[in-house]
Amino acid sequence: MSVLIYLIPIALFMGGLGLAAFLWALKSGQFDDPEGAAERILLDDDLEEQDD
């Protein structure tokens, strides 16, 4: 039971660290274009180069 005295603050610190990292990622623009890469793979840009 006395181990909880150590584990609870460690868990709260790690949760706060994860939250801080997530908020930093939001502010730095990591999630600005979540669908761009998924749609970009469907485009056939290399077909235009083969026609030459």
N, C-alpha and C. Protein backbone atom coordinates (compact mmCIF):
# COMPACT_ATOMS: atom_id res chain seq x y z
N MET A 1 0.82 -1.21 0.00
CA MET A 1 0.00 0.00 0.00
C MET A 1 0.86 1.27 0.00
N SER A 2 1.99 1.21 0.65
CA SER A 2 2.84 2.40 0.72
C SER A 2 3.49 2.72 -0.62
N VAL A 3 3.47 1.76 -1.54
CA VAL A 3 4.02 1.99 -2.87
C VAL A 3 3.16 2.99 -3.65
N LEU A 4 1.90 3.12 -3.30
CA LEU A 4 1.02 4.08 -3.96
C LEU A 4 1.46 5.53 -3.72
N ILE A 5 2.15 5.74 -2.62
CA ILE A 5 2.65 7.09 -2.33
C ILE A 5 3.63 7.52 -3.41
N TYR A 6 4.34 6.56 -4.00
CA TYR A 6 5.30 6.87 -5.06
C TYR A 6 4.67 6.79 -6.45
N LEU A 7 3.78 5.83 -6.65
CA LEU A 7 3.24 5.59 -7.98
C LEU A 7 2.24 6.66 -8.43
N ILE A 8 1.44 7.17 -7.54
CA ILE A 8 0.43 8.18 -7.92
C ILE A 8 1.09 9.47 -8.39
N PRO A 9 2.06 10.04 -7.68
CA PRO A 9 2.72 11.25 -8.22
C PRO A 9 3.46 11.00 -9.53
N ILE A 10 4.07 9.82 -9.67
CA ILE A 10 4.76 9.51 -10.92
C ILE A 10 3.77 9.43 -12.06
N ALA A 11 2.62 8.81 -11.83
CA ALA A 11 1.59 8.71 -12.87
C ALA A 11 1.03 10.07 -13.23
N LEU A 12 0.82 10.92 -12.24
CA LEU A 12 0.33 12.27 -12.51
C LEU A 12 1.36 13.09 -13.28
N PHE A 13 2.62 12.94 -12.95
CA PHE A 13 3.68 13.66 -13.65
C PHE A 13 3.76 13.20 -15.11
N MET A 14 3.70 11.89 -15.33
CA MET A 14 3.77 11.38 -16.70
C MET A 14 2.54 11.77 -17.51
N GLY A 15 1.38 11.81 -16.89
CA GLY A 15 0.18 12.27 -17.57
C GLY A 15 0.28 13.74 -17.94
N GLY A 16 0.80 14.55 -17.04
CA GLY A 16 0.99 15.97 -17.32
C GLY A 16 2.03 16.19 -18.41
N LEU A 17 3.06 15.37 -18.42
CA LEU A 17 4.07 15.45 -19.47
C LEU A 17 3.48 15.09 -20.84
N GLY A 18 2.64 14.07 -20.87
CA GLY A 18 1.96 13.71 -22.12
C GLY A 18 1.02 14.80 -22.59
N LEU A 19 0.31 15.40 -21.68
CA LEU A 19 -0.60 16.50 -22.02
C LEU A 19 0.18 17.71 -22.54
N ALA A 20 1.30 18.00 -21.91
CA ALA A 20 2.13 19.12 -22.37
C ALA A 20 2.68 18.85 -23.76
N ALA A 21 3.08 17.62 -24.04
CA ALA A 21 3.59 17.28 -25.37
C ALA A 21 2.49 17.39 -26.41
N PHE A 22 1.28 16.98 -26.06
CA PHE A 22 0.15 17.09 -26.99
C PHE A 22 -0.18 18.54 -27.27
N LEU A 23 -0.20 19.38 -26.25
CA LEU A 23 -0.50 20.80 -26.45
C LEU A 23 0.60 21.48 -27.26
N TRP A 24 1.85 21.09 -27.06
CA TRP A 24 2.94 21.62 -27.86
C TRP A 24 2.77 21.23 -29.32
N ALA A 25 2.36 19.98 -29.57
CA ALA A 25 2.15 19.53 -30.95
C ALA A 25 1.01 20.30 -31.60
N LEU A 26 -0.03 20.60 -30.86
CA LEU A 26 -1.13 21.40 -31.40
C LEU A 26 -0.66 22.80 -31.78
N LYS A 27 0.12 23.43 -30.91
CA LYS A 27 0.57 24.80 -31.16
C LYS A 27 1.59 24.88 -32.28
N SER A 28 2.37 23.82 -32.50
CA SER A 28 3.40 23.87 -33.53
C SER A 28 2.89 23.44 -34.90
N GLY A 29 1.60 23.10 -35.00
CA GLY A 29 1.01 22.81 -36.29
C GLY A 29 1.17 21.38 -36.77
N GLN A 30 1.35 20.44 -35.87
CA GLN A 30 1.52 19.05 -36.26
C GLN A 30 0.25 18.45 -36.84
N PHE A 31 -0.90 19.00 -36.51
CA PHE A 31 -2.18 18.43 -36.92
C PHE A 31 -2.92 19.33 -37.90
N ASP A 32 -2.22 20.17 -38.64
CA ASP A 32 -2.88 21.10 -39.55
C ASP A 32 -3.50 20.41 -40.76
N ASP A 33 -2.87 19.38 -41.29
CA ASP A 33 -3.35 18.73 -42.51
C ASP A 33 -3.39 17.21 -42.33
N PRO A 34 -4.32 16.71 -41.53
CA PRO A 34 -4.33 15.26 -41.27
C PRO A 34 -4.79 14.43 -42.47
N GLU A 35 -5.51 15.00 -43.42
CA GLU A 35 -6.01 14.23 -44.55
C GLU A 35 -5.16 14.39 -45.81
N GLY A 36 -4.22 15.31 -45.79
CA GLY A 36 -3.43 15.59 -46.99
C GLY A 36 -2.62 14.41 -47.46
N ALA A 37 -1.91 13.76 -46.57
CA ALA A 37 -1.07 12.62 -46.96
C ALA A 37 -1.94 11.44 -47.39
N ALA A 38 -3.09 11.28 -46.77
CA ALA A 38 -3.96 10.16 -47.13
C ALA A 38 -4.54 10.34 -48.53
N GLU A 39 -4.81 11.57 -48.91
CA GLU A 39 -5.34 11.83 -50.25
C GLU A 39 -4.23 11.94 -51.29
N ARG A 40 -3.05 12.37 -50.89
CA ARG A 40 -1.94 12.55 -51.81
C ARG A 40 -1.48 11.23 -52.41
N ILE A 41 -1.63 10.15 -51.66
CA ILE A 41 -1.18 8.86 -52.15
C ILE A 41 -2.09 8.34 -53.28
N LEU A 42 -3.30 8.87 -53.34
CA LEU A 42 -4.24 8.43 -54.37
C LEU A 42 -4.06 9.15 -55.70
N LEU A 43 -3.32 10.25 -55.72
CA LEU A 43 -3.12 11.01 -56.94
C LEU A 43 -2.10 10.33 -57.83
N ASP A 44 -2.33 10.37 -59.13
CA ASP A 44 -1.44 9.74 -60.09
C ASP A 44 -0.56 10.79 -60.78
N ASP A 45 0.31 11.42 -60.04
CA ASP A 45 1.19 12.44 -60.61
C ASP A 45 2.26 11.82 -61.50
N ASP A 46 2.67 10.60 -61.23
CA ASP A 46 3.74 9.99 -62.01
C ASP A 46 3.26 9.51 -63.38
N LEU A 47 1.96 9.44 -63.62
CA LEU A 47 1.45 9.04 -64.93
C LEU A 47 1.74 10.12 -65.98
N GLU A 48 1.76 11.38 -65.59
CA GLU A 48 2.05 12.46 -66.52
C GLU A 48 3.49 12.40 -67.01
N GLU A 49 4.40 11.94 -66.18
CA GLU A 49 5.80 11.84 -66.56
C GLU A 49 6.03 10.71 -67.55
N GLN A 50 5.22 9.66 -67.50
CA GLN A 50 5.40 8.52 -68.39
C GLN A 50 4.93 8.82 -69.80
N ASP A 51 4.05 9.80 -69.99
CA ASP A 51 3.52 10.12 -71.31
C ASP A 51 4.56 10.77 -72.20
N ASP A 52 5.60 11.37 -71.65
CA ASP A 52 6.60 12.08 -72.45
C ASP A 52 7.43 11.17 -73.29
